[in-house]
Amino acid sequence: VFHGRILAQRLVGQETRYEVEVKTPYRHRFPLVSREYLWVPNTCECPPLREGGEYLLMARRHVNHEHTLNRILLQDGGYARPWTPREGRLVREAARHC
């Protein structure tokens, strides 16, 4: 889970690749750097992400069986909501209780 700002987007085959500035990582099971690529299948029911927009994103690390592909994937059922200070407070509070 992290707060990120969409810097750019690019269609790549059947997916959209978003370049994201990671503003605040909250709960993460894998390390995040200041800029990441977020991949979204074009069939995803996720809300559209717009360039310049800030979002609270819950994505997962996807590594294929050959370990040749390692990326952050927002899939169906993932969480992508416009970021607000309220969202940030709720995430910080939830993280403290875990």
PDB file of N, CA and C in Angstrom:
ATOM      1  N   VAL A   1       0.861  -1.170   0.000  1.00  0.00           N
ATOM      2  CA  VAL A   1       0.000   0.000   0.000  1.00  0.00           C
ATOM      3  C   VAL A   1       0.904   1.228   0.000  1.00  0.00           C
ATOM      4  N   PHE A   2       0.630   2.134  -0.925  1.00  0.00           N
ATOM      5  CA  PHE A   2       1.433   3.341  -0.970  1.00  0.00           C
ATOM      6  C   PHE A   2       0.649   4.495  -1.598  1.00  0.00           C
ATOM      7  N   HIS A   3       1.104   5.684  -1.292  1.00  0.00           N
ATOM      8  CA  HIS A   3       0.557   6.915  -1.855  1.00  0.00           C
ATOM      9  C   HIS A   3       1.484   7.276  -3.011  1.00  0.00           C
ATOM     10  N   GLY A   4       0.907   7.399  -4.211  1.00  0.00           N
ATOM     11  CA  GLY A   4       1.735   7.698  -5.368  1.00  0.00           C
ATOM     12  C   GLY A   4       1.083   8.704  -6.300  1.00  0.00           C
ATOM     13  N   ARG A   5       1.925   9.355  -7.080  1.00  0.00           N
ATOM     14  CA  ARG A   5       1.458  10.319  -8.086  1.00  0.00           C
ATOM     15  C   ARG A   5       1.813   9.783  -9.460  1.00  0.00           C
ATOM     16  N   ILE A   6       0.839   9.766 -10.359  1.00  0.00           N
ATOM     17  CA  ILE A   6       1.029   9.256 -11.713  1.00  0.00           C
ATOM     18  C   ILE A   6       1.796  10.301 -12.523  1.00  0.00           C
ATOM     19  N   LEU A   7       2.955   9.897 -13.035  1.00  0.00           N
ATOM     20  CA  LEU A   7       3.783  10.797 -13.830  1.00  0.00           C
ATOM     21  C   LEU A   7       3.525  10.640 -15.324  1.00  0.00           C
ATOM     22  N   ALA A   8       3.307   9.408 -15.759  1.00  0.00           N
ATOM     23  CA  ALA A   8       3.104   9.146 -17.186  1.00  0.00           C
ATOM     24  C   ALA A   8       2.418   7.802 -17.335  1.00  0.00           C
ATOM     25  N   GLN A   9       1.842   7.587 -18.513  1.00  0.00           N
ATOM     26  CA  GLN A   9       1.241   6.290 -18.806  1.00  0.00           C
ATOM     27  C   GLN A   9       1.562   5.912 -20.237  1.00  0.00           C
ATOM     28  N   ARG A  10       1.624   4.605 -20.478  1.00  0.00           N
ATOM     29  CA  ARG A  10       1.939   4.112 -21.817  1.00  0.00           C
ATOM     30  C   ARG A  10       1.255   2.775 -22.024  1.00  0.00           C
ATOM     31  N   LEU A  11       0.561   2.633 -23.139  1.00  0.00           N
ATOM     32  CA  LEU A  11      -0.041   1.352 -23.485  1.00  0.00           C
ATOM     33  C   LEU A  11       1.053   0.428 -23.991  1.00  0.00           C
ATOM     34  N   VAL A  12       1.103  -0.782 -23.432  1.00  0.00           N
ATOM     35  CA  VAL A  12       2.082  -1.785 -23.844  1.00  0.00           C
ATOM     36  C   VAL A  12       1.311  -3.081 -24.029  1.00  0.00           C
ATOM     37  N   GLY A  13       1.009  -3.422 -25.273  1.00  0.00           N
ATOM     38  CA  GLY A  13       0.234  -4.633 -25.536  1.00  0.00           C
ATOM     39  C   GLY A  13      -1.137  -4.540 -24.900  1.00  0.00           C
ATOM     40  N   GLN A  14      -1.451  -5.509 -24.057  1.00  0.00           N
ATOM     41  CA  GLN A  14      -2.759  -5.586 -23.408  1.00  0.00           C
ATOM     42  C   GLN A  14      -2.745  -4.989 -21.997  1.00  0.00           C
ATOM     43  N   GLU A  15      -1.718  -4.189 -21.710  1.00  0.00           N
ATOM     44  CA  GLU A  15      -1.587  -3.587 -20.392  1.00  0.00           C
ATOM     45  C   GLU A  15      -1.265  -2.105 -20.528  1.00  0.00           C
ATOM     46  N   THR A  16      -1.461  -1.398 -19.428  1.00  0.00           N
ATOM     47  CA  THR A  16      -1.038  -0.005 -19.343  1.00  0.00           C
ATOM     48  C   THR A  16       0.048   0.064 -18.280  1.00  0.00           C
ATOM     49  N   ARG A  17       1.163   0.712 -18.639  1.00  0.00           N
ATOM     50  CA  ARG A  17       2.262   0.894 -17.693  1.00  0.00           C
ATOM     51  C   ARG A  17       2.245   2.336 -17.223  1.00  0.00           C
ATOM     52  N   TYR A  18       2.120   2.516 -15.924  1.00  0.00           N
ATOM     53  CA  TYR A  18       2.131   3.839 -15.321  1.00  0.00           C
ATOM     54  C   TYR A  18       3.474   4.062 -14.640  1.00  0.00           C
ATOM     55  N   GLU A  19       4.067   5.226 -14.899  1.00  0.00           N
ATOM     56  CA  GLU A  19       5.241   5.614 -14.131  1.00  0.00           C
ATOM     57  C   GLU A  19       4.722   6.370 -12.919  1.00  0.00           C
ATOM     58  N   VAL A  20       5.111   5.927 -11.736  1.00  0.00           N
ATOM     59  CA  VAL A  20       4.549   6.449 -10.491  1.00  0.00           C
ATOM     60  C   VAL A  20       5.657   6.975  -9.590  1.00  0.00           C
ATOM     61  N   GLU A  21       5.453   8.174  -9.066  1.00  0.00           N
ATOM     62  CA  GLU A  21       6.313   8.696  -8.015  1.00  0.00           C
ATOM     63  C   GLU A  21       5.753   8.169  -6.697  1.00  0.00           C
ATOM     64  N   VAL A  22       6.546   7.384  -5.983  1.00  0.00           N
ATOM     65  CA  VAL A  22       6.112   6.848  -4.690  1.00  0.00           C
ATOM     66  C   VAL A  22       6.323   7.953  -3.663  1.00  0.00           C
ATOM     67  N   LYS A  23       5.228   8.492  -3.162  1.00  0.00           N
ATOM     68  CA  LYS A  23       5.310   9.595  -2.207  1.00  0.00           C
ATOM     69  C   LYS A  23       5.462   9.069  -0.777  1.00  0.00           C
ATOM     70  N   THR A  24       4.631   8.104  -0.406  1.00  0.00           N
ATOM     71  CA  THR A  24       4.702   7.535   0.943  1.00  0.00           C
ATOM     72  C   THR A  24       4.360   6.057   0.885  1.00  0.00           C
ATOM     73  N   PRO A  25       5.312   5.182   1.202  1.00  0.00           N
ATOM     74  CA  PRO A  25       4.954   3.769   1.334  1.00  0.00           C
ATOM     75  C   PRO A  25       4.365   3.548   2.730  1.00  0.00           C
ATOM     76  N   TYR A  26       3.289   2.792   2.802  1.00  0.00           N
ATOM     77  CA  TYR A  26       2.676   2.511   4.094  1.00  0.00           C
ATOM     78  C   TYR A  26       2.989   1.085   4.510  1.00  0.00           C
ATOM     79  N   ARG A  27       2.245   0.166   4.024  1.00  0.00           N
ATOM     80  CA  ARG A  27       2.514  -1.244   4.334  1.00  0.00           C
ATOM     81  C   ARG A  27       3.012  -1.866   3.052  1.00  0.00           C
ATOM     82  N   HIS A  28       4.187  -2.448   3.107  1.00  0.00           N
ATOM     83  CA  HIS A  28       4.707  -3.079   1.899  1.00  0.00           C
ATOM     84  C   HIS A  28       5.522  -4.300   2.273  1.00  0.00           C
ATOM     85  N   ARG A  29       5.375  -5.327   1.460  1.00  0.00           N
ATOM     86  CA  ARG A  29       6.104  -6.581   1.669  1.00  0.00           C
ATOM     87  C   ARG A  29       7.322  -6.663   0.775  1.00  0.00           C
ATOM     88  N   PHE A  30       7.498  -5.652  -0.058  1.00  0.00           N
ATOM     89  CA  PHE A  30       8.659  -5.586  -0.926  1.00  0.00           C
ATOM     90  C   PHE A  30       9.128  -4.136  -0.946  1.00  0.00           C
ATOM     91  N   PRO A  31      10.419  -3.921  -1.135  1.00  0.00           N
ATOM     92  CA  PRO A  31      10.921  -2.541  -1.104  1.00  0.00           C
ATOM     93  C   PRO A  31      10.431  -1.736  -2.303  1.00  0.00           C
ATOM     94  N   LEU A  32      10.164  -0.486  -2.062  1.00  0.00           N
ATOM     95  CA  LEU A  32       9.766   0.451  -3.121  1.00  0.00           C
ATOM     96  C   LEU A  32      10.836   1.521  -3.245  1.00  0.00           C
ATOM     97  N   VAL A  33      11.089   1.962  -4.463  1.00  0.00           N
ATOM     98  CA  VAL A  33      12.001   3.078  -4.688  1.00  0.00           C
ATOM     99  C   VAL A  33      11.164   4.308  -5.006  1.00  0.00           C
ATOM    100  N   SER A  34      11.807   5.440  -5.189  1.00  0.00           N
ATOM    101  CA  SER A  34      11.061   6.694  -5.351  1.00  0.00           C
ATOM    102  C   SER A  34      10.230   6.737  -6.631  1.00  0.00           C
ATOM    103  N   ARG A  35      10.636   5.989  -7.657  1.00  0.00           N
ATOM    104  CA  ARG A  35       9.847   5.876  -8.883  1.00  0.00           C
ATOM    105  C   ARG A  35       9.721   4.409  -9.239  1.00  0.00           C
ATOM    106  N   GLU A  36       8.504   4.025  -9.545  1.00  0.00           N
ATOM    107  CA  GLU A  36       8.203   2.641  -9.891  1.00  0.00           C
ATOM    108  C   GLU A  36       7.320   2.620 -11.122  1.00  0.00           C
ATOM    109  N   TYR A  37       7.292   1.481 -11.787  1.00  0.00           N
ATOM    110  CA  TYR A  37       6.315   1.243 -12.832  1.00  0.00           C
ATOM    111  C   TYR A  37       5.204   0.397 -12.241  1.00  0.00           C
ATOM    112  N   LEU A  38       3.986   0.792 -12.473  1.00  0.00           N
ATOM    113  CA  LEU A  38       2.800   0.072 -12.034  1.00  0.00           C
ATOM    114  C   LEU A  38       2.100  -0.436 -13.289  1.00  0.00           C
ATOM    115  N   TRP A  39       1.888  -1.733 -13.371  1.00  0.00           N
ATOM    116  CA  TRP A  39       1.256  -2.350 -14.541  1.00  0.00           C
ATOM    117  C   TRP A  39      -0.196  -2.670 -14.229  1.00  0.00           C
ATOM    118  N   VAL A  40      -1.075  -2.354 -15.187  1.00  0.00           N
ATOM    119  CA  VAL A  40      -2.507  -2.597 -15.024  1.00  0.00           C
ATOM    120  C   VAL A  40      -3.024  -3.264 -16.298  1.00  0.00           C
ATOM    121  N   PRO A  41      -3.648  -4.455 -16.178  1.00  0.00           N
ATOM    122  CA  PRO A  41      -4.249  -5.065 -17.371  1.00  0.00           C
ATOM    123  C   PRO A  41      -5.344  -4.155 -17.922  1.00  0.00           C
ATOM    124  N   ASN A  42      -5.437  -4.060 -19.224  1.00  0.00           N
ATOM    125  CA  ASN A  42      -6.457  -3.198 -19.830  1.00  0.00           C
ATOM    126  C   ASN A  42      -7.866  -3.717 -19.576  1.00  0.00           C
ATOM    127  N   THR A  43      -7.995  -4.936 -19.090  1.00  0.00           N
ATOM    128  CA  THR A  43      -9.299  -5.501 -18.769  1.00  0.00           C
ATOM    129  C   THR A  43      -9.679  -5.257 -17.308  1.00  0.00           C
ATOM    130  N   CYS A  44      -8.800  -4.611 -16.549  1.00  0.00           N
ATOM    131  CA  CYS A  44      -9.031  -4.384 -15.120  1.00  0.00           C
ATOM    132  C   CYS A  44     -10.230  -3.462 -14.923  1.00  0.00           C
ATOM    133  N   GLU A  45     -11.023  -3.758 -13.915  1.00  0.00           N
ATOM    134  CA  GLU A  45     -12.166  -2.919 -13.555  1.00  0.00           C
ATOM    135  C   GLU A  45     -11.742  -1.784 -12.619  1.00  0.00           C
ATOM    136  N   CYS A  46     -10.439  -1.552 -12.514  1.00  0.00           N
ATOM    137  CA  CYS A  46      -9.909  -0.512 -11.639  1.00  0.00           C
ATOM    138  C   CYS A  46     -10.351   0.855 -12.144  1.00  0.00           C
ATOM    139  N   PRO A  47     -10.438   1.829 -11.245  1.00  0.00           N
ATOM    140  CA  PRO A  47     -10.758   3.179 -11.723  1.00  0.00           C
ATOM    141  C   PRO A  47      -9.618   3.691 -12.593  1.00  0.00           C
ATOM    142  N   PRO A  48      -9.928   4.503 -13.606  1.00  0.00           N
ATOM    143  CA  PRO A  48      -8.850   5.029 -14.454  1.00  0.00           C
ATOM    144  C   PRO A  48      -7.922   5.929 -13.646  1.00  0.00           C
ATOM    145  N   LEU A  49      -6.639   5.810 -13.899  1.00  0.00           N
ATOM    146  CA  LEU A  49      -5.643   6.636 -13.232  1.00  0.00           C
ATOM    147  C   LEU A  49      -5.218   7.721 -14.211  1.00  0.00           C
ATOM    148  N   ARG A  50      -5.217   8.956 -13.774  1.00  0.00           N
ATOM    149  CA  ARG A  50      -4.881  10.050 -14.687  1.00  0.00           C
ATOM    150  C   ARG A  50      -3.518  10.629 -14.330  1.00  0.00           C
ATOM    151  N   GLU A  51      -2.822  11.077 -15.361  1.00  0.00           N
ATOM    152  CA  GLU A  51      -1.515  11.695 -15.152  1.00  0.00           C
ATOM    153  C   GLU A  51      -1.667  12.909 -14.248  1.00  0.00           C
ATOM    154  N   GLY A  52      -0.777  13.042 -13.291  1.00  0.00           N
ATOM    155  CA  GLY A  52      -0.813  14.143 -12.335  1.00  0.00           C
ATOM    156  C   GLY A  52      -1.660  13.845 -11.117  1.00  0.00           C
ATOM    157  N   GLY A  53      -2.493  12.803 -11.192  1.00  0.00           N
ATOM    158  CA  GLY A  53      -3.348  12.447 -10.064  1.00  0.00           C
ATOM    159  C   GLY A  53      -2.579  11.709  -8.986  1.00  0.00           C
ATOM    160  N   GLU A  54      -3.038  11.855  -7.757  1.00  0.00           N
ATOM    161  CA  GLU A  54      -2.441  11.146  -6.623  1.00  0.00           C
ATOM    162  C   GLU A  54      -3.445  10.134  -6.115  1.00  0.00           C
ATOM    163  N   TYR A  55      -2.927   8.930  -5.800  1.00  0.00           N
ATOM    164  CA  TYR A  55      -3.787   7.810  -5.440  1.00  0.00           C
ATOM    165  C   TYR A  55      -3.213   7.044  -4.264  1.00  0.00           C
ATOM    166  N   LEU A  56      -4.095   6.389  -3.561  1.00  0.00           N
ATOM    167  CA  LEU A  56      -3.721   5.387  -2.588  1.00  0.00           C
ATOM    168  C   LEU A  56      -3.841   4.065  -3.336  1.00  0.00           C
ATOM    169  N   LEU A  57      -2.741   3.332  -3.454  1.00  0.00           N
ATOM    170  CA  LEU A  57      -2.685   2.143  -4.298  1.00  0.00           C
ATOM    171  C   LEU A  57      -2.313   0.916  -3.482  1.00  0.00           C
ATOM    172  N   MET A  58      -3.038  -0.153  -3.698  1.00  0.00           N
ATOM    173  CA  MET A  58      -2.704  -1.436  -3.089  1.00  0.00           C
ATOM    174  C   MET A  58      -2.442  -2.395  -4.244  1.00  0.00           C
ATOM    175  N   ALA A  59      -1.191  -2.695  -4.451  1.00  0.00           N
ATOM    176  CA  ALA A  59      -0.790  -3.547  -5.561  1.00  0.00           C
ATOM    177  C   ALA A  59       0.058  -4.692  -5.006  1.00  0.00           C
ATOM    178  N   ARG A  60       0.414  -5.617  -5.880  1.00  0.00           N
ATOM    179  CA  ARG A  60       1.246  -6.728  -5.431  1.00  0.00           C
ATOM    180  C   ARG A  60       2.432  -6.890  -6.352  1.00  0.00           C
ATOM    181  N   ARG A  61       3.461  -7.498  -5.836  1.00  0.00           N
ATOM    182  CA  ARG A  61       4.644  -7.805  -6.631  1.00  0.00           C
ATOM    183  C   ARG A  61       4.347  -9.064  -7.419  1.00  0.00           C
ATOM    184  N   HIS A  62       4.573  -9.011  -8.721  1.00  0.00           N
ATOM    185  CA  HIS A  62       4.355 -10.179  -9.581  1.00  0.00           C
ATOM    186  C   HIS A  62       5.702 -10.640 -10.126  1.00  0.00           C
ATOM    187  N   VAL A  63       6.052 -11.877  -9.828  1.00  0.00           N
ATOM    188  CA  VAL A  63       7.277 -12.489 -10.341  1.00  0.00           C
ATOM    189  C   VAL A  63       6.865 -13.754 -11.067  1.00  0.00           C
ATOM    190  N   ASN A  64       7.305 -13.914 -12.326  1.00  0.00           N
ATOM    191  CA  ASN A  64       6.925 -15.113 -13.068  1.00  0.00           C
ATOM    192  C   ASN A  64       7.747 -16.321 -12.604  1.00  0.00           C
ATOM    193  N   HIS A  65       7.384 -17.498 -13.073  1.00  0.00           N
ATOM    194  CA  HIS A  65       8.041 -18.732 -12.625  1.00  0.00           C
ATOM    195  C   HIS A  65       9.522 -18.775 -12.976  1.00  0.00           C
ATOM    196  N   GLU A  66       9.896 -18.149 -14.073  1.00  0.00           N
ATOM    197  CA  GLU A  66      11.305 -18.141 -14.488  1.00  0.00           C
ATOM    198  C   GLU A  66      12.116 -17.061 -13.772  1.00  0.00           C
ATOM    199  N   HIS A  67      11.456 -16.229 -13.000  1.00  0.00           N
ATOM    200  CA  HIS A  67      12.081 -15.106 -12.293  1.00  0.00           C
ATOM    201  C   HIS A  67      12.741 -14.120 -13.254  1.00  0.00           C
ATOM    202  N   THR A  68      12.194 -14.013 -14.453  1.00  0.00           N
ATOM    203  CA  THR A  68      12.697 -13.047 -15.431  1.00  0.00           C
ATOM    204  C   THR A  68      11.827 -11.800 -15.474  1.00  0.00           C
ATOM    205  N   LEU A  69      10.699 -11.836 -14.795  1.00  0.00           N
ATOM    206  CA  LEU A  69       9.771 -10.706 -14.775  1.00  0.00           C
ATOM    207  C   LEU A  69       9.449 -10.394 -13.331  1.00  0.00           C
ATOM    208  N   ASN A  70       9.713  -9.172 -12.913  1.00  0.00           N
ATOM    209  CA  ASN A  70       9.501  -8.757 -11.530  1.00  0.00           C
ATOM    210  C   ASN A  70       8.928  -7.344 -11.598  1.00  0.00           C
ATOM    211  N   ARG A  71       7.644  -7.226 -11.311  1.00  0.00           N
ATOM    212  CA  ARG A  71       7.003  -5.922 -11.460  1.00  0.00           C
ATOM    213  C   ARG A  71       5.869  -5.758 -10.473  1.00  0.00           C
ATOM    214  N   ILE A  72       5.384  -4.517 -10.359  1.00  0.00           N
ATOM    215  CA  ILE A  72       4.259  -4.204  -9.481  1.00  0.00           C
ATOM    216  C   ILE A  72       3.005  -4.229 -10.337  1.00  0.00           C
ATOM    217  N   LEU A  73       2.018  -4.991  -9.889  1.00  0.00           N
ATOM    218  CA  LEU A  73       0.805  -5.222 -10.664  1.00  0.00           C
ATOM    219  C   LEU A  73      -0.422  -4.805  -9.857  1.00  0.00           C
ATOM    220  N   LEU A  74      -1.252  -3.992 -10.482  1.00  0.00           N
ATOM    221  CA  LEU A  74      -2.560  -3.656  -9.916  1.00  0.00           C
ATOM    222  C   LEU A  74      -3.564  -4.482 -10.692  1.00  0.00           C
ATOM    223  N   GLN A  75      -4.143  -5.449 -10.040  1.00  0.00           N
ATOM    224  CA  GLN A  75      -5.042  -6.367 -10.730  1.00  0.00           C
ATOM    225  C   GLN A  75      -6.474  -6.149 -10.279  1.00  0.00           C
ATOM    226  N   ASP A  76      -7.396  -6.860 -10.936  1.00  0.00           N
ATOM    227  CA  ASP A  76      -8.791  -6.797 -10.501  1.00  0.00           C
ATOM    228  C   ASP A  76      -8.850  -7.102  -9.015  1.00  0.00           C
ATOM    229  N   GLY A  77      -9.614  -6.347  -8.305  1.00  0.00           N
ATOM    230  CA  GLY A  77      -9.702  -6.531  -6.863  1.00  0.00           C
ATOM    231  C   GLY A  77      -8.649  -5.736  -6.115  1.00  0.00           C
ATOM    232  N   GLY A  78      -7.713  -5.120  -6.845  1.00  0.00           N
ATOM    233  CA  GLY A  78      -6.727  -4.246  -6.208  1.00  0.00           C
ATOM    234  C   GLY A  78      -7.414  -2.959  -5.779  1.00  0.00           C
ATOM    235  N   TYR A  79      -6.706  -2.146  -5.062  1.00  0.00           N
ATOM    236  CA  TYR A  79      -7.282  -0.925  -4.517  1.00  0.00           C
ATOM    237  C   TYR A  79      -6.580   0.276  -5.138  1.00  0.00           C
ATOM    238  N   ALA A  80      -7.347   1.148  -5.749  1.00  0.00           N
ATOM    239  CA  ALA A  80      -6.819   2.394  -6.314  1.00  0.00           C
ATOM    240  C   ALA A  80      -7.874   3.465  -6.103  1.00  0.00           C
ATOM    241  N   ARG A  81      -7.601   4.356  -5.180  1.00  0.00           N
ATOM    242  CA  ARG A  81      -8.551   5.425  -4.869  1.00  0.00           C
ATOM    243  C   ARG A  81      -7.832   6.761  -4.890  1.00  0.00           C
ATOM    244  N   PRO A  82      -8.526   7.815  -5.293  1.00  0.00           N
ATOM    245  CA  PRO A  82      -7.887   9.134  -5.217  1.00  0.00           C
ATOM    246  C   PRO A  82      -7.406   9.398  -3.798  1.00  0.00           C
ATOM    247  N   TRP A  83      -6.193   9.914  -3.688  1.00  0.00           N
ATOM    248  CA  TRP A  83      -5.595  10.167  -2.385  1.00  0.00           C
ATOM    249  C   TRP A  83      -6.134  11.457  -1.797  1.00  0.00           C
ATOM    250  N   THR A  84      -6.427  11.386  -0.517  1.00  0.00           N
ATOM    251  CA  THR A  84      -6.798  12.565   0.258  1.00  0.00           C
ATOM    252  C   THR A  84      -6.051  12.473   1.581  1.00  0.00           C
ATOM    253  N   PRO A  85      -5.855  13.577   2.275  1.00  0.00           N
ATOM    254  CA  PRO A  85      -5.219  13.492   3.591  1.00  0.00           C
ATOM    255  C   PRO A  85      -5.958  12.526   4.520  1.00  0.00           C
ATOM    256  N   ARG A  86      -7.279  12.431   4.385  1.00  0.00           N
ATOM    257  CA  ARG A  86      -8.064  11.509   5.211  1.00  0.00           C
ATOM    258  C   ARG A  86      -7.647  10.064   4.936  1.00  0.00           C
ATOM    259  N   GLU A  87      -7.469   9.713   3.649  1.00  0.00           N
ATOM    260  CA  GLU A  87      -7.018   8.359   3.301  1.00  0.00           C
ATOM    261  C   GLU A  87      -5.677   8.061   3.972  1.00  0.00           C
ATOM    262  N   GLY A  88      -4.775   9.025   3.941  1.00  0.00           N
ATOM    263  CA  GLY A  88      -3.467   8.842   4.559  1.00  0.00           C
ATOM    264  C   GLY A  88      -3.566   8.592   6.056  1.00  0.00           C
ATOM    265  N   ARG A  89      -4.424   9.358   6.724  1.00  0.00           N
ATOM    266  CA  ARG A  89      -4.610   9.158   8.176  1.00  0.00           C
ATOM    267  C   ARG A  89      -5.161   7.771   8.465  1.00  0.00           C
ATOM    268  N   LEU A  90      -6.151   7.328   7.692  1.00  0.00           N
ATOM    269  CA  LEU A  90      -6.751   6.011   7.917  1.00  0.00           C
ATOM    270  C   LEU A  90      -5.728   4.893   7.740  1.00  0.00           C
ATOM    271  N   VAL A  91      -4.886   5.003   6.735  1.00  0.00           N
ATOM    272  CA  VAL A  91      -3.871   3.972   6.495  1.00  0.00           C
ATOM    273  C   VAL A  91      -2.858   3.957   7.624  1.00  0.00           C
ATOM    274  N   ARG A  92      -2.398   5.134   8.064  1.00  0.00           N
ATOM    275  CA  ARG A  92      -1.428   5.186   9.164  1.00  0.00           C
ATOM    276  C   ARG A  92      -2.020   4.585  10.435  1.00  0.00           C
ATOM    277  N   GLU A  93      -3.280   4.885  10.720  1.00  0.00           N
ATOM    278  CA  GLU A  93      -3.935   4.339  11.914  1.00  0.00           C
ATOM    279  C   GLU A  93      -4.055   2.819  11.819  1.00  0.00           C
ATOM    280  N   ALA A  94      -4.441   2.325  10.658  1.00  0.00           N
ATOM    281  CA  ALA A  94      -4.576   0.880  10.476  1.00  0.00           C
ATOM    282  C   ALA A  94      -3.224   0.196  10.628  1.00  0.00           C
ATOM    283  N   ALA A  95      -2.165   0.801  10.125  1.00  0.00           N
ATOM    284  CA  ALA A  95      -0.830   0.212  10.224  1.00  0.00           C
ATOM    285  C   ALA A  95      -0.372   0.129  11.679  1.00  0.00           C
ATOM    286  N   ARG A  96      -0.743   1.096  12.486  1.00  0.00           N
ATOM    287  CA  ARG A  96      -0.354   1.078  13.908  1.00  0.00           C
ATOM    288  C   ARG A  96      -1.031  -0.055  14.672  1.00  0.00           C
ATOM    289  N   HIS A  97      -2.227  -0.454  14.233  1.00  0.00           N
ATOM    290  CA  HIS A  97      -2.975  -1.488  14.939  1.00  0.00           C
ATOM    291  C   HIS A  97      -2.625  -2.907  14.501  1.00  0.00           C
ATOM    292  N   CYS A  98      -1.765  -3.041  13.525  1.00  0.00           N
ATOM    293  CA  CYS A  98      -1.386  -4.382  13.036  1.00  0.00           C
ATOM    294  C   CYS A  98      -0.208  -4.934  13.791  1.00  0.00           C
TER     295      CYS A  98
END
